[in-house]
N, C-alpha and C. Protein backbone atom coordinates (compact mmCIF):
# COMPACT_ATOMS: atom_id res chain seq x y z
N MET A 1 -3.65 31.94 58.32
CA MET A 1 -4.94 31.55 58.87
C MET A 1 -5.85 31.07 57.75
N GLY A 2 -6.65 30.05 58.06
CA GLY A 2 -7.55 29.49 57.06
C GLY A 2 -8.83 30.30 56.93
N LYS A 3 -9.85 29.66 56.38
CA LYS A 3 -11.10 30.35 56.09
C LYS A 3 -12.24 29.35 56.08
N LEU A 4 -13.40 29.78 56.55
CA LEU A 4 -14.59 28.95 56.52
C LEU A 4 -15.52 29.45 55.43
N PHE A 5 -15.89 28.55 54.52
CA PHE A 5 -16.86 28.87 53.49
C PHE A 5 -18.19 28.21 53.86
N VAL A 6 -19.25 28.98 53.88
CA VAL A 6 -20.59 28.44 54.09
C VAL A 6 -21.19 28.23 52.70
N VAL A 7 -21.44 26.98 52.36
CA VAL A 7 -21.80 26.64 50.97
C VAL A 7 -23.22 26.06 50.90
N PRO A 8 -24.15 26.78 50.27
CA PRO A 8 -25.49 26.24 50.07
C PRO A 8 -25.46 25.07 49.09
N THR A 9 -26.30 24.08 49.35
CA THR A 9 -26.42 22.93 48.46
C THR A 9 -27.87 22.83 47.96
N PRO A 10 -28.11 22.10 46.87
CA PRO A 10 -29.45 22.03 46.29
C PRO A 10 -30.50 21.53 47.29
N ILE A 11 -31.70 22.08 47.22
CA ILE A 11 -32.80 21.62 48.07
C ILE A 11 -33.61 20.54 47.37
N GLY A 12 -33.27 20.26 46.13
CA GLY A 12 -33.97 19.23 45.37
C GLY A 12 -33.19 18.89 44.12
N ASN A 13 -33.39 19.67 43.09
CA ASN A 13 -32.72 19.46 41.82
C ASN A 13 -31.22 19.69 41.97
N LEU A 14 -30.42 18.69 41.64
CA LEU A 14 -28.97 18.78 41.83
C LEU A 14 -28.31 19.80 40.92
N GLU A 15 -29.03 20.27 39.90
CA GLU A 15 -28.48 21.30 39.02
C GLU A 15 -28.48 22.68 39.69
N ASP A 16 -29.18 22.78 40.83
CA ASP A 16 -29.27 24.07 41.51
C ASP A 16 -28.10 24.31 42.45
N ILE A 17 -26.90 24.15 41.94
CA ILE A 17 -25.69 24.48 42.69
C ILE A 17 -24.82 25.33 41.78
N THR A 18 -24.15 26.31 42.36
CA THR A 18 -23.38 27.22 41.52
C THR A 18 -22.02 26.63 41.15
N LEU A 19 -21.47 27.13 40.07
CA LEU A 19 -20.13 26.70 39.65
C LEU A 19 -19.11 27.04 40.73
N ARG A 20 -19.30 28.18 41.37
CA ARG A 20 -18.37 28.59 42.42
C ARG A 20 -18.44 27.64 43.61
N ALA A 21 -19.64 27.21 43.97
CA ALA A 21 -19.78 26.28 45.08
C ALA A 21 -19.04 24.97 44.80
N ILE A 22 -19.16 24.48 43.57
CA ILE A 22 -18.45 23.24 43.19
C ILE A 22 -16.95 23.43 43.32
N ARG A 23 -16.46 24.58 42.84
CA ARG A 23 -15.02 24.84 42.92
C ARG A 23 -14.54 24.89 44.38
N ILE A 24 -15.30 25.56 45.24
CA ILE A 24 -14.92 25.66 46.65
C ILE A 24 -14.89 24.28 47.29
N LEU A 25 -15.89 23.47 47.02
CA LEU A 25 -15.94 22.13 47.60
C LEU A 25 -14.73 21.28 47.18
N LYS A 26 -14.23 21.54 46.00
CA LYS A 26 -13.05 20.80 45.52
C LYS A 26 -11.75 21.35 46.11
N GLU A 27 -11.72 22.65 46.40
CA GLU A 27 -10.45 23.28 46.80
C GLU A 27 -10.18 23.26 48.30
N VAL A 28 -11.23 23.22 49.14
CA VAL A 28 -11.01 23.30 50.58
C VAL A 28 -10.32 22.03 51.09
N ASP A 29 -9.75 22.14 52.28
CA ASP A 29 -9.05 21.00 52.87
C ASP A 29 -10.02 19.95 53.43
N PHE A 30 -11.17 20.40 53.93
CA PHE A 30 -12.16 19.45 54.42
C PHE A 30 -13.55 20.07 54.40
N ILE A 31 -14.56 19.20 54.45
CA ILE A 31 -15.96 19.62 54.41
C ILE A 31 -16.65 19.18 55.68
N LEU A 32 -17.38 20.10 56.28
CA LEU A 32 -18.21 19.79 57.45
C LEU A 32 -19.62 19.52 56.94
N ALA A 33 -20.11 18.29 57.13
CA ALA A 33 -21.39 17.88 56.56
C ALA A 33 -22.38 17.50 57.65
N GLU A 34 -23.62 17.94 57.49
CA GLU A 34 -24.66 17.60 58.45
C GLU A 34 -24.89 16.09 58.48
N ASP A 35 -24.97 15.47 57.31
CA ASP A 35 -25.08 14.02 57.18
C ASP A 35 -24.14 13.60 56.06
N THR A 36 -23.08 12.89 56.42
CA THR A 36 -22.06 12.54 55.41
C THR A 36 -22.62 11.63 54.32
N ARG A 37 -23.67 10.89 54.63
CA ARG A 37 -24.27 10.02 53.60
C ARG A 37 -24.98 10.86 52.54
N THR A 38 -25.76 11.85 52.99
CA THR A 38 -26.47 12.72 52.06
C THR A 38 -25.49 13.54 51.23
N THR A 39 -24.52 14.16 51.92
CA THR A 39 -23.53 14.97 51.21
C THR A 39 -22.65 14.11 50.32
N GLY A 40 -22.37 12.90 50.76
CA GLY A 40 -21.56 11.99 49.95
C GLY A 40 -22.19 11.70 48.60
N PHE A 41 -23.51 11.59 48.58
CA PHE A 41 -24.23 11.37 47.32
C PHE A 41 -24.03 12.57 46.39
N LEU A 42 -24.14 13.78 46.96
CA LEU A 42 -23.96 15.00 46.15
C LEU A 42 -22.53 15.10 45.65
N LEU A 43 -21.56 14.85 46.53
CA LEU A 43 -20.15 14.98 46.14
C LEU A 43 -19.79 13.97 45.04
N LYS A 44 -20.34 12.79 45.14
CA LYS A 44 -20.08 11.79 44.10
C LYS A 44 -20.63 12.27 42.76
N HIS A 45 -21.83 12.86 42.79
CA HIS A 45 -22.44 13.40 41.57
C HIS A 45 -21.59 14.51 40.98
N LEU A 46 -20.98 15.32 41.86
CA LEU A 46 -20.17 16.46 41.41
C LEU A 46 -18.71 16.10 41.16
N GLU A 47 -18.36 14.85 41.43
CA GLU A 47 -16.98 14.37 41.29
C GLU A 47 -16.03 15.13 42.21
N VAL A 48 -16.47 15.30 43.45
CA VAL A 48 -15.66 15.96 44.48
C VAL A 48 -15.16 14.89 45.45
N SER A 49 -13.86 14.87 45.70
CA SER A 49 -13.27 13.84 46.57
C SER A 49 -12.76 14.39 47.89
N THR A 50 -13.07 15.63 48.22
CA THR A 50 -12.61 16.25 49.46
C THR A 50 -13.12 15.46 50.68
N ARG A 51 -12.26 15.35 51.68
CA ARG A 51 -12.62 14.58 52.88
C ARG A 51 -13.73 15.27 53.66
N MET A 52 -14.65 14.47 54.19
CA MET A 52 -15.77 15.01 54.97
C MET A 52 -15.65 14.65 56.44
N PHE A 53 -16.22 15.51 57.28
CA PHE A 53 -16.37 15.25 58.70
C PHE A 53 -17.81 15.56 59.10
N SER A 54 -18.34 14.79 60.02
CA SER A 54 -19.71 14.99 60.47
C SER A 54 -19.83 16.22 61.37
N HIS A 55 -20.81 17.06 61.08
CA HIS A 55 -21.05 18.27 61.88
C HIS A 55 -22.55 18.52 61.90
N HIS A 56 -23.20 18.10 62.99
CA HIS A 56 -24.65 18.21 63.08
C HIS A 56 -25.05 18.72 64.46
N LYS A 57 -26.35 18.89 64.68
CA LYS A 57 -26.84 19.53 65.90
C LYS A 57 -26.51 18.75 67.16
N PHE A 58 -26.21 17.45 67.02
CA PHE A 58 -25.93 16.63 68.20
C PHE A 58 -24.46 16.64 68.60
N ASN A 59 -23.59 17.08 67.68
CA ASN A 59 -22.16 17.07 68.03
C ASN A 59 -21.46 18.41 67.83
N GLU A 60 -22.19 19.43 67.34
CA GLU A 60 -21.53 20.68 66.98
C GLU A 60 -20.90 21.39 68.18
N HIS A 61 -21.50 21.25 69.35
CA HIS A 61 -20.90 21.88 70.53
C HIS A 61 -19.52 21.31 70.82
N ALA A 62 -19.35 20.01 70.51
CA ALA A 62 -18.08 19.34 70.80
C ALA A 62 -17.04 19.51 69.69
N THR A 63 -17.49 19.83 68.48
CA THR A 63 -16.56 19.87 67.34
C THR A 63 -16.06 21.26 66.99
N VAL A 64 -16.74 22.31 67.43
CA VAL A 64 -16.36 23.66 66.98
C VAL A 64 -14.94 24.03 67.39
N GLU A 65 -14.50 23.58 68.56
CA GLU A 65 -13.14 23.90 69.00
C GLU A 65 -12.09 23.31 68.06
N LYS A 66 -12.27 22.05 67.71
CA LYS A 66 -11.32 21.39 66.81
C LYS A 66 -11.33 22.02 65.42
N VAL A 67 -12.51 22.39 64.97
CA VAL A 67 -12.61 23.04 63.66
C VAL A 67 -11.86 24.36 63.68
N ALA A 68 -12.07 25.15 64.72
CA ALA A 68 -11.39 26.44 64.84
C ALA A 68 -9.87 26.26 64.89
N GLU A 69 -9.41 25.24 65.59
CA GLU A 69 -7.97 24.98 65.68
C GLU A 69 -7.38 24.69 64.30
N ARG A 70 -8.07 23.90 63.51
CA ARG A 70 -7.57 23.56 62.19
C ARG A 70 -7.55 24.79 61.27
N LEU A 71 -8.58 25.63 61.39
CA LEU A 71 -8.62 26.83 60.57
C LEU A 71 -7.54 27.83 61.01
N LEU A 72 -7.32 27.94 62.31
CA LEU A 72 -6.25 28.81 62.81
C LEU A 72 -4.88 28.34 62.35
N ALA A 73 -4.77 27.03 62.10
CA ALA A 73 -3.50 26.46 61.65
C ALA A 73 -3.29 26.62 60.15
N GLY A 74 -4.31 27.17 59.47
CA GLY A 74 -4.13 27.47 58.05
C GLY A 74 -4.97 26.67 57.09
N GLU A 75 -5.75 25.72 57.59
CA GLU A 75 -6.59 24.93 56.69
C GLU A 75 -7.87 25.72 56.34
N SER A 76 -8.52 25.29 55.27
CA SER A 76 -9.79 25.90 54.87
C SER A 76 -10.87 24.84 54.90
N ALA A 77 -12.10 25.26 55.14
CA ALA A 77 -13.19 24.30 55.25
C ALA A 77 -14.45 24.84 54.60
N ALA A 78 -15.30 23.92 54.18
CA ALA A 78 -16.62 24.27 53.66
C ALA A 78 -17.67 23.66 54.58
N LEU A 79 -18.63 24.45 54.98
CA LEU A 79 -19.73 23.97 55.81
C LEU A 79 -20.95 23.79 54.92
N VAL A 80 -21.53 22.59 54.95
CA VAL A 80 -22.75 22.33 54.16
C VAL A 80 -23.79 21.66 55.06
N SER A 81 -25.06 21.84 54.71
CA SER A 81 -26.13 21.11 55.37
C SER A 81 -26.69 20.11 54.36
N ASP A 82 -27.68 19.34 54.78
CA ASP A 82 -28.24 18.34 53.86
C ASP A 82 -28.85 18.99 52.63
N ALA A 83 -29.42 20.19 52.81
CA ALA A 83 -30.04 20.90 51.69
C ALA A 83 -30.21 22.35 52.06
N GLY A 84 -29.95 23.24 51.12
CA GLY A 84 -30.13 24.66 51.36
C GLY A 84 -28.92 25.33 51.99
N THR A 85 -29.17 26.46 52.61
CA THR A 85 -28.08 27.26 53.20
C THR A 85 -27.87 26.89 54.67
N PRO A 86 -26.67 26.50 55.06
CA PRO A 86 -26.40 26.16 56.45
C PRO A 86 -26.76 27.30 57.39
N ALA A 87 -27.15 26.94 58.61
CA ALA A 87 -27.51 27.88 59.69
C ALA A 87 -28.93 28.42 59.57
N ILE A 88 -29.62 28.17 58.45
CA ILE A 88 -31.02 28.56 58.32
C ILE A 88 -31.85 27.34 58.70
N SER A 89 -32.25 27.28 59.97
CA SER A 89 -32.94 26.11 60.53
C SER A 89 -32.12 24.84 60.35
N ASP A 90 -30.83 24.97 60.32
CA ASP A 90 -29.88 23.87 60.21
C ASP A 90 -28.64 24.23 61.02
N PRO A 91 -27.77 23.25 61.33
CA PRO A 91 -26.53 23.56 62.05
C PRO A 91 -25.67 24.56 61.28
N GLY A 92 -24.89 25.34 62.00
CA GLY A 92 -24.00 26.30 61.36
C GLY A 92 -23.72 27.52 62.20
N TYR A 93 -24.69 27.97 62.96
CA TYR A 93 -24.53 29.18 63.75
C TYR A 93 -23.33 29.10 64.69
N LEU A 94 -23.18 27.99 65.40
CA LEU A 94 -22.13 27.88 66.41
C LEU A 94 -20.73 27.95 65.81
N VAL A 95 -20.51 27.25 64.71
CA VAL A 95 -19.16 27.25 64.12
C VAL A 95 -18.86 28.60 63.48
N VAL A 96 -19.86 29.25 62.90
CA VAL A 96 -19.65 30.59 62.35
C VAL A 96 -19.29 31.56 63.47
N ARG A 97 -20.02 31.52 64.57
CA ARG A 97 -19.74 32.40 65.69
C ARG A 97 -18.35 32.14 66.26
N LYS A 98 -17.98 30.86 66.37
CA LYS A 98 -16.66 30.51 66.89
C LYS A 98 -15.56 31.07 66.00
N CYS A 99 -15.74 30.97 64.70
CA CYS A 99 -14.74 31.50 63.77
C CYS A 99 -14.62 33.01 63.90
N LEU A 100 -15.73 33.70 63.96
CA LEU A 100 -15.69 35.16 64.08
C LEU A 100 -15.07 35.60 65.40
N ASP A 101 -15.34 34.85 66.47
CA ASP A 101 -14.74 35.16 67.77
C ASP A 101 -13.23 35.03 67.73
N ASN A 102 -12.73 34.14 66.84
CA ASN A 102 -11.29 33.93 66.70
C ASN A 102 -10.70 34.68 65.51
N GLU A 103 -11.50 35.60 64.96
CA GLU A 103 -11.08 36.42 63.83
C GLU A 103 -10.70 35.59 62.61
N ILE A 104 -11.37 34.45 62.46
CA ILE A 104 -11.21 33.62 61.27
C ILE A 104 -12.23 34.10 60.23
N GLU A 105 -11.78 34.30 59.02
CA GLU A 105 -12.67 34.82 57.99
C GLU A 105 -13.76 33.81 57.63
N VAL A 106 -14.98 34.29 57.51
CA VAL A 106 -16.12 33.47 57.11
C VAL A 106 -16.73 34.09 55.86
N GLU A 107 -16.99 33.26 54.88
CA GLU A 107 -17.62 33.74 53.65
C GLU A 107 -18.80 32.84 53.31
N CYS A 108 -19.98 33.42 53.24
CA CYS A 108 -21.19 32.65 52.89
C CYS A 108 -21.51 32.87 51.41
N LEU A 109 -21.53 31.80 50.65
CA LEU A 109 -21.85 31.88 49.23
C LEU A 109 -23.36 32.02 49.06
N PRO A 110 -23.80 32.76 48.05
CA PRO A 110 -25.24 32.80 47.76
C PRO A 110 -25.66 31.47 47.14
N GLY A 111 -26.92 31.12 47.37
CA GLY A 111 -27.38 29.87 46.78
C GLY A 111 -28.75 29.47 47.27
N ALA A 112 -29.05 28.21 47.13
CA ALA A 112 -30.40 27.70 47.38
C ALA A 112 -30.82 27.85 48.84
N THR A 113 -32.06 28.27 49.02
CA THR A 113 -32.73 28.23 50.32
C THR A 113 -34.22 28.14 50.04
N ALA A 114 -34.93 27.34 50.81
CA ALA A 114 -36.30 26.97 50.45
C ALA A 114 -37.31 28.11 50.54
N PHE A 115 -37.14 29.02 51.52
CA PHE A 115 -38.22 29.96 51.75
C PHE A 115 -38.34 31.04 50.67
N VAL A 116 -37.28 31.34 49.93
CA VAL A 116 -37.36 32.40 48.93
C VAL A 116 -38.30 32.01 47.78
N PRO A 117 -38.13 30.87 47.12
CA PRO A 117 -39.09 30.53 46.06
C PRO A 117 -40.50 30.32 46.60
N ALA A 118 -40.63 29.81 47.83
CA ALA A 118 -41.95 29.62 48.42
C ALA A 118 -42.64 30.96 48.64
N LEU A 119 -41.89 31.95 49.10
CA LEU A 119 -42.44 33.28 49.33
C LEU A 119 -42.88 33.92 48.02
N VAL A 120 -42.05 33.83 47.00
CA VAL A 120 -42.37 34.42 45.70
C VAL A 120 -43.60 33.74 45.09
N ASN A 121 -43.65 32.41 45.19
CA ASN A 121 -44.78 31.66 44.62
C ASN A 121 -46.09 31.86 45.37
N SER A 122 -46.02 32.35 46.61
CA SER A 122 -47.22 32.47 47.43
C SER A 122 -48.18 33.54 46.92
N GLY A 123 -47.67 34.56 46.25
CA GLY A 123 -48.50 35.67 45.82
C GLY A 123 -48.85 36.62 46.96
N LEU A 124 -48.27 36.41 48.13
CA LEU A 124 -48.50 37.28 49.27
C LEU A 124 -47.46 38.39 49.31
N PRO A 125 -47.74 39.50 49.99
CA PRO A 125 -46.79 40.61 50.04
C PRO A 125 -45.41 40.16 50.51
N ASN A 126 -44.38 40.55 49.79
CA ASN A 126 -43.03 40.09 50.16
C ASN A 126 -42.02 41.23 50.32
N GLU A 127 -42.54 42.49 50.39
CA GLU A 127 -41.60 43.59 50.63
C GLU A 127 -41.12 43.61 52.08
N ARG A 128 -41.93 43.03 52.98
CA ARG A 128 -41.56 42.88 54.38
C ARG A 128 -42.08 41.53 54.86
N PHE A 129 -41.22 40.76 55.52
CA PHE A 129 -41.65 39.45 56.00
C PHE A 129 -40.82 39.05 57.22
N CYS A 130 -41.31 38.08 57.98
CA CYS A 130 -40.55 37.57 59.13
C CYS A 130 -40.41 36.06 58.99
N PHE A 131 -39.22 35.58 59.25
CA PHE A 131 -38.92 34.16 59.15
C PHE A 131 -39.02 33.53 60.53
N GLU A 132 -39.96 32.61 60.72
CA GLU A 132 -40.17 31.97 62.02
C GLU A 132 -39.57 30.57 62.08
N GLY A 133 -39.19 30.01 60.95
CA GLY A 133 -38.62 28.67 60.94
C GLY A 133 -39.60 27.63 61.49
N PHE A 134 -39.08 26.66 62.24
CA PHE A 134 -39.93 25.63 62.84
C PHE A 134 -40.53 26.14 64.15
N LEU A 135 -41.82 25.98 64.30
CA LEU A 135 -42.48 26.30 65.56
C LEU A 135 -42.05 25.28 66.62
N PRO A 136 -42.04 25.68 67.90
CA PRO A 136 -41.74 24.70 68.96
C PRO A 136 -42.73 23.54 68.86
N GLN A 137 -42.26 22.32 69.03
CA GLN A 137 -43.16 21.18 68.90
C GLN A 137 -44.11 21.06 70.09
N LYS A 138 -43.63 21.40 71.27
CA LYS A 138 -44.47 21.27 72.46
C LYS A 138 -44.40 22.55 73.30
N LYS A 139 -43.41 22.62 74.18
CA LYS A 139 -43.29 23.76 75.09
C LYS A 139 -43.07 25.06 74.31
N GLY A 140 -43.93 26.04 74.58
CA GLY A 140 -43.77 27.34 73.95
C GLY A 140 -44.50 27.49 72.64
N ARG A 141 -45.11 26.43 72.14
CA ARG A 141 -45.79 26.50 70.84
C ARG A 141 -46.99 27.44 70.89
N LYS A 142 -47.85 27.27 71.89
CA LYS A 142 -49.04 28.12 72.01
C LYS A 142 -48.66 29.58 72.20
N THR A 143 -47.64 29.82 73.03
CA THR A 143 -47.19 31.19 73.28
C THR A 143 -46.67 31.84 72.02
N ARG A 144 -45.91 31.08 71.22
CA ARG A 144 -45.37 31.60 69.96
C ARG A 144 -46.51 31.96 69.00
N LEU A 145 -47.49 31.09 68.89
CA LEU A 145 -48.61 31.35 68.00
C LEU A 145 -49.39 32.59 68.44
N GLU A 146 -49.60 32.71 69.74
CA GLU A 146 -50.32 33.87 70.26
C GLU A 146 -49.56 35.16 69.98
N SER A 147 -48.24 35.10 70.06
CA SER A 147 -47.43 36.30 69.84
C SER A 147 -47.47 36.77 68.39
N LEU A 148 -47.89 35.89 67.49
CA LEU A 148 -47.93 36.22 66.06
C LEU A 148 -49.30 36.72 65.61
N SER A 149 -50.25 36.77 66.52
CA SER A 149 -51.62 37.16 66.15
C SER A 149 -51.70 38.53 65.50
N ASP A 150 -50.89 39.46 65.98
CA ASP A 150 -50.93 40.83 65.47
C ASP A 150 -49.77 41.16 64.54
N GLU A 151 -49.02 40.15 64.13
CA GLU A 151 -47.89 40.36 63.21
C GLU A 151 -48.42 40.81 61.85
N THR A 152 -47.99 41.98 61.41
CA THR A 152 -48.50 42.52 60.14
C THR A 152 -47.67 42.09 58.93
N ARG A 153 -46.48 41.61 59.15
CA ARG A 153 -45.65 41.15 58.03
C ARG A 153 -46.05 39.74 57.62
N THR A 154 -45.77 39.40 56.38
CA THR A 154 -45.95 38.03 55.91
C THR A 154 -45.05 37.11 56.72
N MET A 155 -45.59 35.97 57.17
CA MET A 155 -44.86 35.06 58.04
C MET A 155 -44.44 33.79 57.30
N ILE A 156 -43.24 33.32 57.60
CA ILE A 156 -42.69 32.14 56.94
C ILE A 156 -42.40 31.07 57.99
N PHE A 157 -42.90 29.86 57.75
CA PHE A 157 -42.68 28.74 58.66
C PHE A 157 -42.13 27.55 57.89
N TYR A 158 -41.29 26.75 58.55
CA TYR A 158 -40.90 25.45 58.03
C TYR A 158 -41.69 24.39 58.80
N GLU A 159 -42.04 23.30 58.12
CA GLU A 159 -42.77 22.24 58.80
C GLU A 159 -42.49 20.89 58.16
N SER A 160 -42.69 19.84 58.94
CA SER A 160 -42.55 18.48 58.41
C SER A 160 -43.90 18.02 57.87
N PRO A 161 -43.91 17.04 56.97
CA PRO A 161 -45.19 16.57 56.43
C PRO A 161 -46.09 15.95 57.50
N PHE A 162 -45.50 15.45 58.57
CA PHE A 162 -46.28 14.78 59.62
C PHE A 162 -47.06 15.76 60.49
N ARG A 163 -46.61 17.01 60.56
CA ARG A 163 -47.28 17.99 61.40
C ARG A 163 -47.98 19.08 60.59
N LEU A 164 -48.00 18.96 59.28
CA LEU A 164 -48.54 20.02 58.43
C LEU A 164 -49.99 20.36 58.76
N VAL A 165 -50.86 19.36 58.77
CA VAL A 165 -52.29 19.63 59.00
C VAL A 165 -52.51 20.19 60.40
N LYS A 166 -51.82 19.64 61.37
CA LYS A 166 -51.94 20.14 62.75
C LYS A 166 -51.53 21.61 62.82
N THR A 167 -50.44 21.96 62.17
CA THR A 167 -49.96 23.34 62.20
C THR A 167 -50.92 24.27 61.47
N LEU A 168 -51.42 23.87 60.31
CA LEU A 168 -52.37 24.69 59.58
C LEU A 168 -53.65 24.91 60.40
N THR A 169 -54.09 23.87 61.08
CA THR A 169 -55.28 23.96 61.91
C THR A 169 -55.06 24.92 63.08
N GLN A 170 -53.91 24.82 63.72
CA GLN A 170 -53.60 25.70 64.84
C GLN A 170 -53.43 27.14 64.38
N LEU A 171 -52.83 27.34 63.23
CA LEU A 171 -52.69 28.69 62.69
C LEU A 171 -54.07 29.29 62.39
N ALA A 172 -54.96 28.46 61.85
CA ALA A 172 -56.32 28.93 61.55
C ALA A 172 -57.05 29.32 62.83
N GLU A 173 -56.87 28.52 63.88
CA GLU A 173 -57.52 28.80 65.16
C GLU A 173 -57.00 30.09 65.78
N GLN A 174 -55.71 30.34 65.65
CA GLN A 174 -55.10 31.48 66.31
C GLN A 174 -55.16 32.76 65.46
N LEU A 175 -54.96 32.61 64.15
CA LEU A 175 -54.88 33.79 63.28
C LEU A 175 -56.17 34.06 62.51
N GLY A 176 -57.05 33.08 62.48
CA GLY A 176 -58.30 33.24 61.73
C GLY A 176 -58.34 32.30 60.54
N LYS A 177 -59.44 31.57 60.38
CA LYS A 177 -59.51 30.55 59.34
C LYS A 177 -59.52 31.14 57.93
N ASP A 178 -59.86 32.44 57.82
CA ASP A 178 -59.90 33.07 56.50
C ASP A 178 -58.60 33.77 56.13
N ARG A 179 -57.58 33.64 56.97
CA ARG A 179 -56.28 34.26 56.67
C ARG A 179 -55.66 33.58 55.45
N ARG A 180 -55.23 34.34 54.49
CA ARG A 180 -54.64 33.77 53.27
C ARG A 180 -53.27 33.16 53.57
N ALA A 181 -52.97 32.08 52.85
CA ALA A 181 -51.71 31.38 53.09
C ALA A 181 -51.33 30.58 51.84
N SER A 182 -50.13 30.00 51.89
CA SER A 182 -49.63 29.19 50.79
C SER A 182 -48.75 28.09 51.37
N VAL A 183 -48.85 26.91 50.79
CA VAL A 183 -48.00 25.79 51.20
C VAL A 183 -47.18 25.33 50.00
N SER A 184 -45.88 25.27 50.19
CA SER A 184 -44.98 24.80 49.12
C SER A 184 -44.24 23.56 49.61
N ARG A 185 -44.16 22.56 48.77
CA ARG A 185 -43.43 21.34 49.14
C ARG A 185 -42.70 20.79 47.92
N GLU A 186 -41.69 19.98 48.20
CA GLU A 186 -40.89 19.36 47.14
C GLU A 186 -40.36 20.42 46.17
N ILE A 187 -39.92 21.55 46.69
CA ILE A 187 -39.46 22.66 45.84
C ILE A 187 -38.29 22.22 44.97
N SER A 188 -38.40 22.50 43.69
CA SER A 188 -37.41 22.20 42.64
C SER A 188 -37.37 20.72 42.27
N LYS A 189 -38.22 19.91 42.88
CA LYS A 189 -38.26 18.49 42.55
C LYS A 189 -39.36 18.20 41.54
N LEU A 190 -39.44 16.94 41.10
CA LEU A 190 -40.37 16.53 40.06
C LEU A 190 -41.82 16.78 40.46
N HIS A 191 -42.14 16.53 41.74
CA HIS A 191 -43.53 16.66 42.19
C HIS A 191 -43.74 17.92 43.04
N GLU A 192 -43.08 19.00 42.67
CA GLU A 192 -43.25 20.27 43.39
C GLU A 192 -44.71 20.69 43.38
N GLU A 193 -45.15 21.21 44.53
CA GLU A 193 -46.52 21.69 44.64
C GLU A 193 -46.55 23.00 45.41
N ASN A 194 -47.29 23.97 44.87
CA ASN A 194 -47.52 25.25 45.54
C ASN A 194 -49.02 25.45 45.58
N LYS A 195 -49.57 25.39 46.77
CA LYS A 195 -51.03 25.46 46.92
C LYS A 195 -51.41 26.69 47.74
N GLN A 196 -52.27 27.54 47.19
CA GLN A 196 -52.70 28.75 47.88
C GLN A 196 -54.16 28.63 48.31
N GLY A 197 -54.52 29.36 49.34
CA GLY A 197 -55.90 29.38 49.82
C GLY A 197 -55.95 29.97 51.21
N THR A 198 -57.08 29.85 51.88
CA THR A 198 -57.14 30.27 53.28
C THR A 198 -56.54 29.17 54.14
N LEU A 199 -56.23 29.49 55.38
CA LEU A 199 -55.68 28.48 56.28
C LEU A 199 -56.64 27.31 56.44
N ASP A 200 -57.94 27.61 56.53
CA ASP A 200 -58.93 26.56 56.67
C ASP A 200 -59.00 25.69 55.43
N GLU A 201 -58.97 26.31 54.25
CA GLU A 201 -59.02 25.55 53.00
C GLU A 201 -57.79 24.65 52.85
N LEU A 202 -56.63 25.17 53.22
CA LEU A 202 -55.40 24.40 53.10
C LEU A 202 -55.38 23.23 54.07
N ALA A 203 -55.88 23.44 55.29
CA ALA A 203 -55.94 22.36 56.27
C ALA A 203 -56.82 21.23 55.75
N GLN A 204 -57.96 21.58 55.16
CA GLN A 204 -58.86 20.57 54.61
C GLN A 204 -58.24 19.86 53.41
N TYR A 205 -57.59 20.62 52.55
CA TYR A 205 -56.98 20.05 51.35
C TYR A 205 -55.91 19.02 51.70
N PHE A 206 -55.01 19.38 52.60
CA PHE A 206 -53.90 18.48 52.91
C PHE A 206 -54.29 17.36 53.86
N SER A 207 -55.43 17.48 54.54
CA SER A 207 -55.89 16.39 55.39
C SER A 207 -56.43 15.22 54.58
N SER A 208 -56.70 15.47 53.31
CA SER A 208 -57.28 14.43 52.46
C SER A 208 -56.25 13.77 51.55
N LYS A 209 -54.98 14.04 51.76
CA LYS A 209 -53.96 13.44 50.89
C LYS A 209 -52.70 13.11 51.69
N THR A 210 -51.90 12.22 51.14
CA THR A 210 -50.62 11.87 51.74
C THR A 210 -49.58 12.89 51.32
N VAL A 211 -48.92 13.49 52.31
CA VAL A 211 -47.98 14.57 52.04
C VAL A 211 -46.55 14.09 52.29
N LYS A 212 -45.66 14.40 51.37
CA LYS A 212 -44.24 14.06 51.51
C LYS A 212 -43.40 15.29 51.27
N GLY A 213 -42.16 15.24 51.70
CA GLY A 213 -41.21 16.30 51.41
C GLY A 213 -41.19 17.40 52.45
N GLU A 214 -40.13 18.19 52.43
CA GLU A 214 -40.02 19.34 53.32
C GLU A 214 -41.01 20.42 52.89
N ILE A 215 -41.52 21.16 53.86
CA ILE A 215 -42.63 22.07 53.59
C ILE A 215 -42.34 23.48 54.08
N VAL A 216 -42.78 24.46 53.29
CA VAL A 216 -42.73 25.87 53.68
C VAL A 216 -44.16 26.40 53.69
N ILE A 217 -44.53 27.00 54.80
CA ILE A 217 -45.85 27.63 54.93
C ILE A 217 -45.68 29.13 54.95
N ILE A 218 -46.39 29.83 54.07
CA ILE A 218 -46.37 31.29 54.03
C ILE A 218 -47.75 31.78 54.46
N VAL A 219 -47.78 32.69 55.43
CA VAL A 219 -49.06 33.17 55.97
C VAL A 219 -49.13 34.70 55.89
N GLU A 220 -50.26 35.18 55.42
CA GLU A 220 -50.52 36.61 55.31
C GLU A 220 -50.46 37.27 56.68
N GLY A 221 -49.91 38.48 56.74
CA GLY A 221 -49.85 39.21 57.98
C GLY A 221 -51.22 39.78 58.37
N HIS A 222 -51.33 40.18 59.62
CA HIS A 222 -52.58 40.73 60.13
C HIS A 222 -52.83 42.11 59.50
N SER A 223 -54.10 42.31 59.09
CA SER A 223 -54.48 43.59 58.52
C SER A 223 -55.04 44.48 59.60
N LYS A 224 -54.56 45.73 59.66
CA LYS A 224 -55.01 46.69 60.68
C LYS A 224 -56.30 47.37 60.28
N LYS A 225 -56.78 47.12 59.06
CA LYS A 225 -57.98 47.79 58.57
C LYS A 225 -59.21 47.31 59.34
């Protein structure tokens, strides 16, 4: 029986990949890539020639059976996303579950993920936190925000640059404009930025500039005092 390796890839700086991850990518029989163009650029940089197959949120329901069949037949595979650790707000959960249901061994390598450096850089309490990922864009968004009003743990959100100001404004309205928060973008890249302040201050700051890159928002939990 084969094995599925879940392999984190750099979220920015290409040097942020482990030696073990490079070895696995070279040794497996095939690679499941969220976007073969993005992963192809990384593999070329790493001098990896392993064959890739597309595995993303639009086709994963249809591909997991074939992947499981190949692994049951003895092949090994590496699952990668465009950046960071697969299955963390990226495709991966379904194929991992399918493998475990078929008693196929799954091994997740440690490596890059965006929210850890963002949380550390925020200066907010990090002994306990909750990961919320992307908020619903439409249906359920208000309900989700309301449910977090009394959350005492530090909260972590992912967001796109196009919705950043809207999300900060809504968080300020629901959680309080003076709630402390931090916004991290372009993590590990040349123009990395970590900006701390209140939700209201951050909304004003980012409304006055053009924002690019993937974003992590860290928000202070509710104080019971």
